[in-house]
Amino acid sequence: MEIKSKRLKRFLYNLGFEFKLINKNGDEFYQFEETEMLKECIEFYYRVRKRFNK
């Protein structure tokens, strides 16, 4: 799973997920191994962000 957001990358890295840095056409992406736990953490991250943006 490729993620562009540095904030989300930092959140996932602090939870213990490891990533590879990918450079495509000058854009940096962070590639994480796609697992069910990763998907749940990303969903949680966006739910929390959505609550604070209200």
N, C-alpha and C. Protein backbone atom coordinates (compact mmCIF):
# COMPACT_ATOMS: atom_id res chain seq x y z
N MET A 1 0.85 -1.17 0.00
CA MET A 1 0.00 0.00 0.00
C MET A 1 0.90 1.23 0.00
N GLU A 2 0.68 2.12 -0.96
CA GLU A 2 1.48 3.34 -1.06
C GLU A 2 0.75 4.50 -0.40
N ILE A 3 1.47 5.22 0.43
CA ILE A 3 0.91 6.35 1.16
C ILE A 3 1.78 7.56 0.90
N LYS A 4 1.15 8.70 0.64
CA LYS A 4 1.89 9.91 0.34
C LYS A 4 1.99 10.84 1.56
N SER A 5 1.03 10.76 2.48
CA SER A 5 0.95 11.65 3.63
C SER A 5 2.08 11.38 4.64
N LYS A 6 2.87 12.41 4.91
CA LYS A 6 3.95 12.26 5.89
C LYS A 6 3.40 12.09 7.29
N ARG A 7 2.27 12.75 7.57
CA ARG A 7 1.65 12.65 8.89
C ARG A 7 1.17 11.22 9.15
N LEU A 8 0.52 10.63 8.16
CA LEU A 8 0.04 9.25 8.29
C LEU A 8 1.22 8.29 8.37
N LYS A 9 2.25 8.54 7.58
CA LYS A 9 3.45 7.69 7.63
C LYS A 9 4.06 7.70 9.01
N ARG A 10 4.16 8.88 9.61
CA ARG A 10 4.74 9.01 10.95
C ARG A 10 3.89 8.25 11.97
N PHE A 11 2.55 8.37 11.87
CA PHE A 11 1.64 7.67 12.77
C PHE A 11 1.85 6.16 12.67
N LEU A 12 1.88 5.63 11.45
CA LEU A 12 2.03 4.19 11.25
C LEU A 12 3.41 3.71 11.69
N TYR A 13 4.43 4.49 11.42
CA TYR A 13 5.79 4.12 11.82
C TYR A 13 5.90 4.06 13.34
N ASN A 14 5.27 5.01 14.03
CA ASN A 14 5.30 5.01 15.49
C ASN A 14 4.55 3.82 16.08
N LEU A 15 3.62 3.26 15.32
CA LEU A 15 2.91 2.06 15.77
C LEU A 15 3.72 0.79 15.50
N GLY A 16 4.82 0.91 14.76
CA GLY A 16 5.69 -0.24 14.52
C GLY A 16 5.66 -0.78 13.11
N PHE A 17 4.93 -0.15 12.21
CA PHE A 17 4.90 -0.60 10.82
C PHE A 17 6.15 -0.07 10.11
N GLU A 18 6.77 -0.94 9.32
CA GLU A 18 7.95 -0.54 8.57
C GLU A 18 7.56 -0.23 7.12
N PHE A 19 8.34 0.63 6.48
CA PHE A 19 8.01 1.07 5.13
C PHE A 19 9.26 1.18 4.29
N LYS A 20 9.03 1.27 2.97
CA LYS A 20 10.10 1.54 2.00
C LYS A 20 9.78 2.86 1.33
N LEU A 21 10.78 3.66 1.12
CA LEU A 21 10.60 4.94 0.44
C LEU A 21 10.68 4.71 -1.07
N ILE A 22 9.68 5.17 -1.80
CA ILE A 22 9.62 5.02 -3.25
C ILE A 22 9.55 6.40 -3.87
N ASN A 23 10.34 6.62 -4.90
CA ASN A 23 10.35 7.90 -5.61
C ASN A 23 9.83 7.68 -7.02
N LYS A 24 8.65 8.25 -7.32
CA LYS A 24 8.06 8.12 -8.66
C LYS A 24 7.92 9.51 -9.25
N ASN A 25 8.63 9.75 -10.32
CA ASN A 25 8.54 11.02 -11.03
C ASN A 25 8.73 12.22 -10.11
N GLY A 26 9.63 12.11 -9.16
CA GLY A 26 9.91 13.22 -8.25
C GLY A 26 9.01 13.26 -7.03
N ASP A 27 7.98 12.41 -6.96
CA ASP A 27 7.10 12.35 -5.80
C ASP A 27 7.54 11.21 -4.89
N GLU A 28 7.53 11.46 -3.59
CA GLU A 28 7.89 10.43 -2.63
C GLU A 28 6.65 9.73 -2.11
N PHE A 29 6.71 8.42 -2.06
CA PHE A 29 5.65 7.59 -1.51
C PHE A 29 6.27 6.66 -0.48
N TYR A 30 5.47 6.26 0.49
CA TYR A 30 5.91 5.33 1.51
C TYR A 30 5.13 4.05 1.31
N GLN A 31 5.82 2.95 1.04
CA GLN A 31 5.16 1.69 0.77
C GLN A 31 5.18 0.82 2.03
N PHE A 32 3.98 0.51 2.51
CA PHE A 32 3.80 -0.36 3.66
C PHE A 32 3.26 -1.69 3.18
N GLU A 33 3.59 -2.76 3.90
CA GLU A 33 3.03 -4.07 3.58
C GLU A 33 1.56 -4.07 3.98
N GLU A 34 0.70 -4.38 3.03
CA GLU A 34 -0.74 -4.30 3.26
C GLU A 34 -1.22 -5.48 4.09
N THR A 35 -1.71 -5.18 5.29
CA THR A 35 -2.26 -6.18 6.19
C THR A 35 -3.59 -5.67 6.73
N GLU A 36 -4.33 -6.57 7.35
CA GLU A 36 -5.62 -6.17 7.94
C GLU A 36 -5.40 -5.17 9.07
N MET A 37 -4.35 -5.36 9.86
CA MET A 37 -4.07 -4.44 10.96
C MET A 37 -3.72 -3.05 10.43
N LEU A 38 -2.99 -2.99 9.34
CA LEU A 38 -2.65 -1.70 8.73
C LEU A 38 -3.92 -0.97 8.28
N LYS A 39 -4.82 -1.68 7.64
CA LYS A 39 -6.08 -1.08 7.20
C LYS A 39 -6.88 -0.53 8.38
N GLU A 40 -6.94 -1.30 9.48
CA GLU A 40 -7.67 -0.86 10.67
C GLU A 40 -7.03 0.39 11.27
N CYS A 41 -5.72 0.46 11.30
CA CYS A 41 -5.01 1.62 11.84
C CYS A 41 -5.25 2.86 10.99
N ILE A 42 -5.27 2.69 9.67
CA ILE A 42 -5.52 3.81 8.78
C ILE A 42 -6.96 4.31 8.96
N GLU A 43 -7.91 3.40 9.07
CA GLU A 43 -9.30 3.79 9.30
C GLU A 43 -9.43 4.56 10.62
N PHE A 44 -8.76 4.07 11.66
CA PHE A 44 -8.78 4.74 12.95
C PHE A 44 -8.18 6.14 12.84
N TYR A 45 -7.06 6.26 12.15
CA TYR A 45 -6.39 7.56 11.96
C TYR A 45 -7.34 8.57 11.32
N TYR A 46 -8.03 8.16 10.25
CA TYR A 46 -8.92 9.09 9.57
C TYR A 46 -10.19 9.40 10.38
N ARG A 47 -10.67 8.45 11.17
CA ARG A 47 -11.81 8.75 12.04
C ARG A 47 -11.43 9.80 13.08
N VAL A 48 -10.26 9.69 13.66
CA VAL A 48 -9.79 10.65 14.66
C VAL A 48 -9.59 12.02 14.01
N ARG A 49 -8.94 12.05 12.85
CA ARG A 49 -8.72 13.32 12.14
C ARG A 49 -10.05 14.00 11.81
N LYS A 50 -11.02 13.21 11.39
CA LYS A 50 -12.32 13.74 11.02
C LYS A 50 -13.00 14.38 12.25
N ARG A 51 -12.88 13.76 13.41
CA ARG A 51 -13.48 14.30 14.63
C ARG A 51 -12.85 15.62 15.02
N PHE A 52 -11.54 15.75 14.85
CA PHE A 52 -10.87 16.99 15.23
C PHE A 52 -11.11 18.11 14.23
N ASN A 53 -11.46 17.77 13.00
CA ASN A 53 -11.73 18.79 11.98
C ASN A 53 -13.13 19.36 12.05
N LYS A 54 -13.99 18.78 12.87
CA LYS A 54 -15.38 19.30 12.99
C LYS A 54 -15.44 20.56 13.77
